Amino acid sequence: MYAAVSRLLRQPTMMRDRGADMFDGGQEAFSIDRNTAVPLYHQIYMQLRDEIVSGARAFGTLVPTEQELSNNFGVSRITARRALDELAGQNFVARKRRVGTQVIYNLPVRPIEANIAKAVDSLVMFGRNTKVTVIDIRKERAIDPIVSLMGVAVGTPLVRATRLRWLDREPLGCTIAHLLEEFEDIVTERNLKDSPLLTLIQQTGRRIDKAKQTIAAVSADPAMAASLKIEPMMPLLKITRAYHDEDGAPLLLTRAFYRADRYQVSVDLQTSTLEPEVSV
């Protein structure tokens, strides 16, 4: 099973868009921009580093080989090797003969318990106070890192929706959501523009009972930077949330990438409860 998961983690699917080279690494589109001043090896390094730091590539898993990176990104093996060497130099991975390049970054995380009802209310209000542009709605089957983040089996049918969120006529963030296939009918462009996903799910009668949230700092790749109207490598706040019902069954996974200059998360620490609030 470990070998199978490792192979899945090392199988990006190439896509092209907007004059940049686009790649779908584990269902999350990244790109390399050959016209920017940022070296190609460093662009690849940043994308792999962000996946590792966010937990998408977990401790002990294998990252793509030099040849795989070379093929997937359309770069030389020397460029791919330099990207992996930089990861190793920053102690994100260890390169071992006959084993491969293995993730050794393992940041210990202590979960914070929060009141899910108030957290959901805050997120719903946030959704109503911003405007949404729907970029893409599609069907797909779950592979890693969606499998591990959402808690579903490999191959589970899902609906994926990508939205750009605006505030005061400026891009605020980009959100990639994955929902179970049973919610396909509610995931329409009109619904996504008018209502937060959490509200749409609750209207079906399914109750969101708990959620796991992970916050990480990442760098904007060229494609994301263009969407958010910022420079490549500018800092982004990546917020991953996995929502479950009262039985622990997965309902929704969202991965949001927010401009660090326009978004912050505030947690009110109290003796009895911890109430997260969202502010922009």
Foldseek 3Di string as FASTA:
>chain_A
DLVVQLVLQLDWDWDDDDQWTWIQRQNNIFTAHPPDPDDRLVLVLQVVVVCLQQCLQPAFHAYYALVSCCVRHVHDSVSSVVSLVVCVVVQQWDADPPPHIGGHDDDDDDFADFDVVLQVVQVQVVLQQKFKDWDDKDKDFHGGPCCVQQVHDGGQIWIWTWMFIGDPNATFKIKIKIFHPVLVVQPDRVNVRRGPPVVSVVVVVFDFDDKGKDKDKGWAGPVRCVSRVHDGRQIWIWIWMWTAGPVRHTGMIMIMTGHPVAWDKDWDDDPPRIHIHTDD
